[in-house]
Amino acid sequence: MVRPFILLLQRYLFRQLLFGLVVVTGFLVALIWLTQSLRFVEVVVNRGLSLGVFLELSGLLIPGFLAVILPITCFMTVQFIYLRLANDRELTVMRAAGVSPLALATPALALAGLAVVIGYGLTLDVVPRSQAIFREFQFEIRNRLAAFLLQEGVFTPVMDNLVVYVRDRSADGALRGIMVDDARDPQHHVTVFAESGRLEVGNAAPRVVLMRGSREEIDAHTGQLDVVTFQSSAIDLSQPDHNEAPRLRDIGEMSLTELLDPRPGVINPSEYPRMRVEANKRLTGPLSTLSFVMIALVSVLTGPFRRHGGVVRPLAAIAAVVGLVAVELAIESLAVRHPALIGLLWLQALAPAMICAAWLFISPGSAEEPPSVVEAA
């Protein structure tokens, strides 16, 4: 009879923990996404890109946010749920019924294990893929689709050697008062003026169709200014293929295999220490969830019983987690310059969990003594 009773309590605790984790994580991810996506609002409002582009571009950041905050939200959820159970005397009744600290901690450990699996899926696969798509999307907007980011009254560098000015731009895409400074061909530096025009999208690159204007060029041999007027002309707003520079990949979008075994010539050898640190960070980051959850469990399942709870142990647990996050950042920075310190990332991720487990499950007399039902009432 005891075993089914304990399993029933554990399922009850796990359901509350899982629901709390989903709510807290969803709220924080939405909040971070909202604050970080504000930088893309200007692209939508002022530069003519669609709402769908905004949602797609900003949505690619969500996996990265989730991977970072998941260990923190696990800690917050375990701390909050167990403190609420303690304040409602539910933990007291469970202890009085003979439920051990290990049995009470099992639902939280199961939640931490689930979060670790999700964390590895994010850091090893989803986040690098989303980062690669995000950077490729950015590259396309800045280089191939930059023509659609033209602003009124602004000299817009569509690329390094092509600048476009538009005095006025209507909602339907019509342009008025256009100037194009085209230096893509060093032998023919051209400046074009037009009264009006319109952006068009072809199968390849965008182009601007100009109406009633002039094309001015200084002859490289004679030094004379050549002016040609036109009623209609078109300018391709793309970089020639033979001059187009490839996009450089960022470390954040590389796979774990690429970080641990980089191919020669693909990236600067000076980046190898950062790559090794990034690889170990991806392997140790999800494990920190176990340490954070164990710290929360020690704060709520150990120490003397208090009728009205206390704030010292929860605050100490929060301080410990903040300290571990700060230590992790410091180790990452130091390990880039001193690769021998990379092992400290593993120690920082696992040592707190081991210490807390010994304190909670092994050390005699460390767990809170189960008070009697009369005392808890």
Protein backbone atom coordinates (compact mmCIF):
# COMPACT_ATOMS: atom_id res chain seq x y z
CA MET A 1 0.00 0.00 0.00
CA VAL A 2 2.87 2.35 0.66
CA ARG A 3 4.37 2.13 -2.81
CA PRO A 4 1.17 3.05 -4.74
CA PHE A 5 0.62 5.93 -2.30
CA ILE A 6 4.12 7.31 -2.95
CA LEU A 7 3.70 6.94 -6.72
CA LEU A 8 0.42 8.80 -6.53
CA LEU A 9 2.08 11.66 -4.64
CA GLN A 10 4.96 11.76 -7.11
CA ARG A 11 2.61 11.94 -10.10
CA TYR A 12 0.76 14.75 -8.33
CA LEU A 13 4.01 16.67 -7.77
CA PHE A 14 5.28 16.06 -11.29
CA ARG A 15 2.06 17.35 -12.88
CA GLN A 16 2.32 20.56 -10.90
CA LEU A 17 6.00 20.95 -11.73
CA LEU A 18 5.50 20.30 -15.43
CA PHE A 19 2.59 22.73 -15.68
CA GLY A 20 4.56 25.37 -13.78
CA LEU A 21 7.60 24.89 -16.01
CA VAL A 22 5.56 25.30 -19.19
CA VAL A 23 3.86 28.45 -17.88
CA VAL A 24 7.01 30.12 -16.51
CA THR A 25 9.16 29.21 -19.51
CA GLY A 26 6.48 30.30 -21.98
CA PHE A 27 6.02 33.63 -20.21
CA LEU A 28 9.75 34.40 -20.05
CA VAL A 29 10.36 33.33 -23.65
CA ALA A 30 7.49 35.55 -24.80
CA LEU A 31 8.82 38.47 -22.75
CA ILE A 32 12.37 38.11 -24.05
CA TRP A 33 11.14 37.61 -27.61
CA LEU A 34 9.04 40.76 -27.35
CA THR A 35 11.93 42.89 -26.09
CA GLN A 36 14.47 41.49 -28.55
CA SER A 37 12.15 41.63 -31.57
CA LEU A 38 11.61 45.37 -31.15
CA ARG A 39 14.76 45.95 -33.17
CA PHE A 40 12.96 44.41 -36.18
CA VAL A 41 9.88 46.62 -35.85
CA GLU A 42 11.60 49.47 -37.67
CA VAL A 43 12.28 47.14 -40.61
CA VAL A 44 8.56 46.39 -40.86
CA VAL A 45 7.20 49.88 -40.20
CA ASN A 46 9.73 52.08 -41.98
CA ARG A 47 11.37 49.85 -44.55
CA GLY A 48 8.49 48.12 -46.19
CA LEU A 49 8.98 44.48 -45.20
CA SER A 50 5.92 42.39 -44.40
CA LEU A 51 4.66 41.23 -41.02
CA GLY A 52 5.39 37.66 -42.08
CA VAL A 53 9.07 38.51 -42.55
CA PHE A 54 9.11 40.10 -39.09
CA LEU A 55 7.57 37.03 -37.44
CA GLU A 56 9.84 34.62 -39.30
CA LEU A 57 13.00 36.59 -38.58
CA SER A 58 12.28 37.18 -34.89
CA GLY A 59 10.88 33.68 -34.40
CA LEU A 60 14.24 32.18 -35.34
CA LEU A 61 15.62 33.67 -32.10
CA ILE A 62 13.24 31.72 -29.85
CA PRO A 63 15.23 28.42 -29.68
CA GLY A 64 18.28 30.33 -28.48
CA PHE A 65 16.27 32.09 -25.78
CA LEU A 66 14.75 28.79 -24.67
CA ALA A 67 18.11 27.04 -24.41
CA VAL A 68 19.48 29.81 -22.20
CA ILE A 69 16.57 30.23 -19.80
CA LEU A 70 15.44 26.60 -19.43
CA PRO A 71 17.82 25.81 -16.53
CA ILE A 72 16.74 29.04 -14.79
CA THR A 73 13.03 28.36 -15.23
CA CYS A 74 13.48 24.81 -13.91
CA PHE A 75 15.05 26.25 -10.76
CA MET A 76 12.28 28.84 -10.40
CA THR A 77 9.54 26.26 -10.89
CA VAL A 78 10.93 23.73 -8.40
CA GLN A 79 11.60 26.43 -5.83
CA PHE A 80 8.13 27.95 -6.15
CA ILE A 81 6.11 24.71 -6.25
CA TYR A 82 7.85 23.12 -3.28
CA LEU A 83 7.69 26.33 -1.23
CA ARG A 84 3.97 26.58 -1.96
CA LEU A 85 3.50 22.96 -0.90
CA ALA A 86 5.45 23.64 2.29
CA ASN A 87 3.41 26.74 3.11
CA ASP A 88 0.19 24.79 2.49
CA ARG A 89 1.51 22.07 4.86
CA GLU A 90 1.31 19.47 2.08
CA LEU A 91 5.00 18.62 2.43
CA THR A 92 4.52 18.33 6.18
CA VAL A 93 1.76 15.76 5.75
CA MET A 94 3.85 13.82 3.22
CA ARG A 95 6.79 13.69 5.60
CA ALA A 96 4.57 12.68 8.48
CA ALA A 97 3.28 9.84 6.29
CA GLY A 98 6.84 8.56 5.96
CA VAL A 99 7.75 9.83 2.49
CA SER A 100 11.54 10.11 2.26
CA PRO A 101 13.45 13.13 0.88
CA LEU A 102 14.49 11.03 -2.12
CA ALA A 103 10.86 10.18 -2.89
CA LEU A 104 9.88 13.84 -2.54
CA ALA A 105 12.74 14.94 -4.79
CA THR A 106 12.08 12.33 -7.51
CA PRO A 107 9.46 14.40 -9.43
CA ALA A 108 11.81 17.40 -9.52
CA LEU A 109 14.69 15.18 -10.67
CA ALA A 110 12.45 13.71 -13.40
CA LEU A 111 11.60 17.24 -14.52
CA ALA A 112 15.30 18.14 -14.53
CA GLY A 113 16.07 15.04 -16.63
CA LEU A 114 13.40 16.00 -19.13
CA ALA A 115 14.81 19.55 -19.29
CA VAL A 116 18.33 18.18 -19.83
CA VAL A 117 17.15 16.09 -22.80
CA ILE A 118 15.33 19.09 -24.28
CA GLY A 119 18.37 21.27 -23.62
CA TYR A 120 20.67 18.92 -25.53
CA GLY A 121 18.22 18.79 -28.42
CA LEU A 122 18.24 22.57 -28.53
CA THR A 123 21.96 23.25 -28.09
CA LEU A 124 23.22 20.46 -30.33
CA ASP A 125 20.73 20.70 -33.19
CA VAL A 126 17.88 23.22 -33.13
CA VAL A 127 19.80 26.33 -32.05
CA PRO A 128 22.69 25.97 -34.57
CA ARG A 129 20.17 25.34 -37.36
CA SER A 130 18.02 28.33 -36.41
CA GLN A 131 21.10 30.54 -36.09
CA ALA A 132 22.26 29.51 -39.57
CA ILE A 133 18.83 30.26 -41.07
CA PHE A 134 18.66 33.57 -39.16
CA ARG A 135 22.06 34.76 -40.36
CA GLU A 136 21.32 33.66 -43.92
CA PHE A 137 18.04 35.55 -43.77
CA GLN A 138 19.83 38.63 -42.47
CA PHE A 139 22.44 38.34 -45.20
CA GLU A 140 19.73 38.16 -47.85
CA ILE A 141 17.96 41.22 -46.47
CA ARG A 142 21.11 43.29 -46.14
CA ASN A 143 22.69 42.32 -49.45
CA ARG A 144 20.20 40.91 -51.96
CA LEU A 145 16.99 42.54 -50.72
CA ALA A 146 18.53 45.80 -49.51
CA ALA A 147 16.82 47.61 -52.34
CA PHE A 148 13.50 47.16 -50.53
CA LEU A 149 14.87 48.94 -47.46
CA LEU A 150 15.01 52.33 -49.16
CA GLN A 151 13.89 55.15 -46.87
CA GLU A 152 12.64 58.56 -47.81
CA GLY A 153 15.25 61.32 -47.64
CA VAL A 154 18.09 58.94 -46.77
CA PHE A 155 21.17 57.94 -48.76
CA THR A 156 20.81 54.15 -48.52
CA PRO A 157 23.95 52.04 -49.13
CA VAL A 158 22.38 49.10 -50.94
CA MET A 159 25.92 47.68 -50.98
CA ASP A 160 29.42 49.06 -50.52
CA ASN A 161 29.61 50.57 -54.01
CA LEU A 162 25.95 51.33 -54.72
CA VAL A 163 24.07 54.17 -53.00
CA VAL A 164 20.45 55.11 -53.67
CA TYR A 165 18.59 58.24 -52.57
CA VAL A 166 14.80 58.58 -52.78
CA ARG A 167 13.05 61.84 -51.97
CA ASP A 168 9.60 60.26 -51.65
CA ARG A 169 8.21 56.73 -51.59
CA SER A 170 4.52 55.89 -51.73
CA ALA A 171 2.79 52.91 -50.20
CA ASP A 172 2.38 51.21 -53.59
CA GLY A 173 6.15 51.25 -54.21
CA ALA A 174 6.32 54.30 -56.50
CA LEU A 175 9.51 56.39 -56.10
CA ARG A 176 10.06 60.08 -56.80
CA GLY A 177 13.22 62.15 -56.82
CA ILE A 178 15.74 59.34 -57.34
CA MET A 179 19.52 59.47 -57.37
CA VAL A 180 21.70 56.40 -57.89
CA ASP A 181 25.48 56.46 -57.42
CA ASP A 182 26.78 53.27 -59.06
CA ALA A 183 30.48 52.40 -58.66
CA ARG A 184 30.21 48.64 -59.08
CA ASP A 185 32.32 48.87 -62.24
CA PRO A 186 35.49 50.83 -61.29
CA GLN A 187 36.00 51.81 -64.93
CA HIS A 188 32.51 53.32 -65.23
CA HIS A 189 31.44 55.28 -62.15
CA VAL A 190 27.91 56.42 -63.01
CA THR A 191 25.48 58.80 -61.34
CA VAL A 192 21.84 58.59 -62.42
CA PHE A 193 19.05 61.09 -61.69
CA ALA A 194 15.37 60.42 -62.38
CA GLU A 195 12.08 62.12 -61.67
CA SER A 196 10.26 58.93 -60.76
CA GLY A 197 10.61 55.17 -60.75
CA ARG A 198 9.41 51.88 -59.34
CA LEU A 199 10.96 48.84 -57.71
CA GLU A 200 10.43 45.55 -59.48
CA VAL A 201 11.23 41.98 -58.48
CA GLY A 202 12.53 39.69 -61.18
CA ASN A 203 13.40 36.01 -61.04
CA ALA A 204 16.90 36.88 -59.87
CA ALA A 205 17.70 40.25 -58.29
CA PRO A 206 15.53 43.34 -57.76
CA ARG A 207 15.85 46.33 -60.06
CA VAL A 208 14.58 49.89 -60.19
CA VAL A 209 12.87 51.18 -63.31
CA LEU A 210 13.64 54.91 -63.80
CA MET A 211 11.50 57.39 -65.72
CA ARG A 212 12.55 60.75 -67.24
CA GLY A 213 16.12 61.20 -66.05
CA SER A 214 19.77 61.54 -66.96
CA ARG A 215 22.85 59.35 -66.75
CA GLU A 216 26.12 61.15 -65.96
CA GLU A 217 29.61 59.66 -66.22
CA ILE A 218 33.09 61.15 -66.33
CA ASP A 219 35.14 59.62 -69.14
CA ALA A 220 38.20 57.95 -67.62
CA HIS A 221 40.36 58.85 -70.61
CA THR A 222 39.32 62.41 -71.51
CA GLY A 223 38.04 63.59 -68.13
CA GLN A 224 34.92 65.00 -69.79
CA LEU A 225 31.45 64.68 -68.35
CA ASP A 226 29.13 62.58 -70.50
CA VAL A 227 25.41 63.18 -69.97
CA VAL A 228 22.73 60.99 -71.51
CA THR A 229 19.03 61.70 -71.00
CA PHE A 230 16.42 58.98 -71.12
CA GLN A 231 12.69 58.48 -70.85
CA SER A 232 12.95 55.02 -69.35
CA SER A 233 15.83 53.01 -68.00
CA ALA A 234 16.44 50.17 -65.54
CA ILE A 235 19.22 49.53 -63.05
CA ASP A 236 19.92 46.11 -61.56
CA LEU A 237 20.41 46.50 -57.80
CA SER A 238 22.56 43.42 -57.30
CA GLN A 239 26.23 42.71 -56.94
CA PRO A 240 27.83 40.92 -59.90
CA ASP A 241 28.27 37.23 -59.15
CA HIS A 242 32.01 37.26 -59.70
CA ASN A 243 32.45 40.01 -57.12
CA GLU A 244 29.96 38.69 -54.56
CA ALA A 245 31.68 37.80 -51.30
CA PRO A 246 30.50 34.63 -49.58
CA ARG A 247 28.84 34.90 -46.22
CA LEU A 248 31.18 34.07 -43.35
CA ARG A 249 29.74 31.53 -40.94
CA ASP A 250 29.47 32.35 -37.27
CA ILE A 251 30.61 29.95 -34.54
CA GLY A 252 27.09 29.86 -33.14
CA GLU A 253 25.72 28.20 -36.30
CA MET A 254 28.37 25.48 -36.54
CA SER A 255 27.59 21.93 -35.52
CA LEU A 256 29.32 20.22 -32.61
CA THR A 257 31.43 18.13 -35.02
CA GLU A 258 32.62 21.26 -36.82
CA LEU A 259 33.53 22.92 -33.51
CA LEU A 260 35.53 19.95 -32.23
CA ASP A 261 37.17 19.11 -35.57
CA PRO A 262 37.32 22.26 -37.71
CA ARG A 263 38.34 21.89 -41.32
CA PRO A 264 41.55 23.77 -42.21
CA GLY A 265 41.03 26.88 -44.27
CA VAL A 266 37.37 27.30 -43.34
CA ILE A 267 37.96 29.54 -40.34
CA ASN A 268 40.84 31.52 -38.91
CA PRO A 269 43.00 29.31 -36.62
CA SER A 270 42.88 32.09 -34.02
CA GLU A 271 39.19 31.19 -33.53
CA TYR A 272 39.96 27.59 -32.52
CA PRO A 273 40.04 28.34 -28.75
CA ARG A 274 36.62 30.00 -28.97
CA MET A 275 35.31 27.02 -30.92
CA ARG A 276 36.51 24.56 -28.27
CA VAL A 277 34.93 26.64 -25.52
CA GLU A 278 31.66 26.84 -27.46
CA ALA A 279 31.64 23.05 -27.97
CA ASN A 280 32.16 22.38 -24.27
CA LYS A 281 29.57 25.01 -23.37
CA ARG A 282 26.98 23.19 -25.48
CA LEU A 283 27.83 19.91 -23.74
CA THR A 284 27.81 21.31 -20.20
CA GLY A 285 25.04 23.90 -20.45
CA PRO A 286 22.09 21.50 -20.16
CA LEU A 287 23.77 19.71 -17.24
CA SER A 288 23.61 22.88 -15.18
CA THR A 289 19.86 22.25 -14.94
CA LEU A 290 20.58 19.37 -12.57
CA SER A 291 22.69 21.61 -10.34
CA PHE A 292 20.09 24.36 -10.26
CA VAL A 293 17.28 21.92 -9.42
CA MET A 294 19.36 20.26 -6.70
CA ILE A 295 20.07 23.66 -5.13
CA ALA A 296 16.34 24.36 -5.09
CA LEU A 297 15.62 20.97 -3.50
CA VAL A 298 18.22 21.49 -0.77
CA SER A 299 16.70 24.88 0.05
CA VAL A 300 13.16 23.50 0.46
CA LEU A 301 13.73 19.97 1.81
CA THR A 302 16.45 20.56 4.40
CA GLY A 303 16.81 22.60 7.56
CA PRO A 304 14.59 22.97 10.60
CA PHE A 305 10.81 23.07 10.28
CA ARG A 306 9.16 26.50 10.54
CA ARG A 307 5.43 27.01 10.89
CA HIS A 308 5.39 30.14 8.75
CA GLY A 309 8.21 29.29 6.38
CA GLY A 310 11.31 31.43 5.89
CA VAL A 311 13.14 33.50 3.33
CA VAL A 312 16.77 32.80 4.22
CA ARG A 313 17.11 29.47 2.43
CA PRO A 314 15.23 30.54 -0.76
CA LEU A 315 17.31 33.72 -0.97
CA ALA A 316 20.49 31.72 -0.40
CA ALA A 317 19.47 29.36 -3.22
CA ILE A 318 18.83 32.28 -5.57
CA ALA A 319 22.21 33.78 -4.66
CA ALA A 320 23.90 30.43 -5.32
CA VAL A 321 22.35 30.13 -8.79
CA VAL A 322 23.26 33.72 -9.68
CA GLY A 323 26.80 33.02 -8.48
CA LEU A 324 27.03 29.88 -10.63
CA VAL A 325 25.87 31.78 -13.72
CA ALA A 326 28.48 34.49 -13.06
CA VAL A 327 31.19 31.87 -12.54
CA GLU A 328 30.22 30.16 -15.79
CA LEU A 329 30.56 33.41 -17.74
CA ALA A 330 33.93 34.11 -16.14
CA ILE A 331 35.22 30.61 -16.92
CA GLU A 332 34.12 30.91 -20.57
CA SER A 333 36.01 34.17 -20.92
CA LEU A 334 39.14 32.80 -19.26
CA ALA A 335 39.06 29.49 -21.12
CA VAL A 336 39.29 31.27 -24.48
CA ARG A 337 42.67 32.66 -23.43
CA HIS A 338 43.72 29.66 -21.33
CA PRO A 339 42.35 26.42 -22.89
CA ALA A 340 43.55 24.37 -19.90
CA LEU A 341 40.66 25.87 -17.90
CA ILE A 342 37.98 24.30 -20.11
CA GLY A 343 37.60 21.48 -17.58
CA LEU A 344 36.25 24.01 -15.10
CA LEU A 345 33.11 24.27 -17.23
CA TRP A 346 32.35 20.62 -16.43
CA LEU A 347 33.21 21.11 -12.78
CA GLN A 348 30.95 24.16 -12.52
CA ALA A 349 28.07 22.27 -14.17
CA LEU A 350 28.27 19.02 -12.19
CA ALA A 351 29.93 19.72 -8.84
CA PRO A 352 26.99 21.65 -7.28
CA ALA A 353 24.61 18.80 -8.16
CA MET A 354 26.90 16.22 -6.55
CA ILE A 355 27.40 18.29 -3.40
CA CYS A 356 23.68 18.94 -3.02
CA ALA A 357 22.85 15.26 -3.63
CA ALA A 358 25.27 14.20 -0.90
CA TRP A 359 23.82 16.83 1.42
CA LEU A 360 20.21 15.86 0.75
CA PHE A 361 20.34 12.07 0.34
CA ILE A 362 23.54 10.80 1.98
CA SER A 363 24.50 13.09 4.84
CA PRO A 364 22.85 11.78 8.04
CA GLY A 365 20.45 14.19 9.71
CA SER A 366 20.67 16.71 6.86
CA ALA A 367 17.06 16.38 5.78
CA GLU A 368 14.33 18.11 7.68
CA GLU A 369 12.92 15.99 10.47
CA PRO A 370 9.33 15.01 9.77
CA PRO A 371 7.23 16.92 12.28
CA SER A 372 4.24 15.36 13.88
CA VAL A 373 0.79 16.10 12.54
CA VAL A 374 -0.05 17.87 15.79
CA GLU A 375 2.99 20.16 15.51
CA ALA A 376 2.30 20.92 11.86
CA ALA A 377 -1.28 21.83 12.40
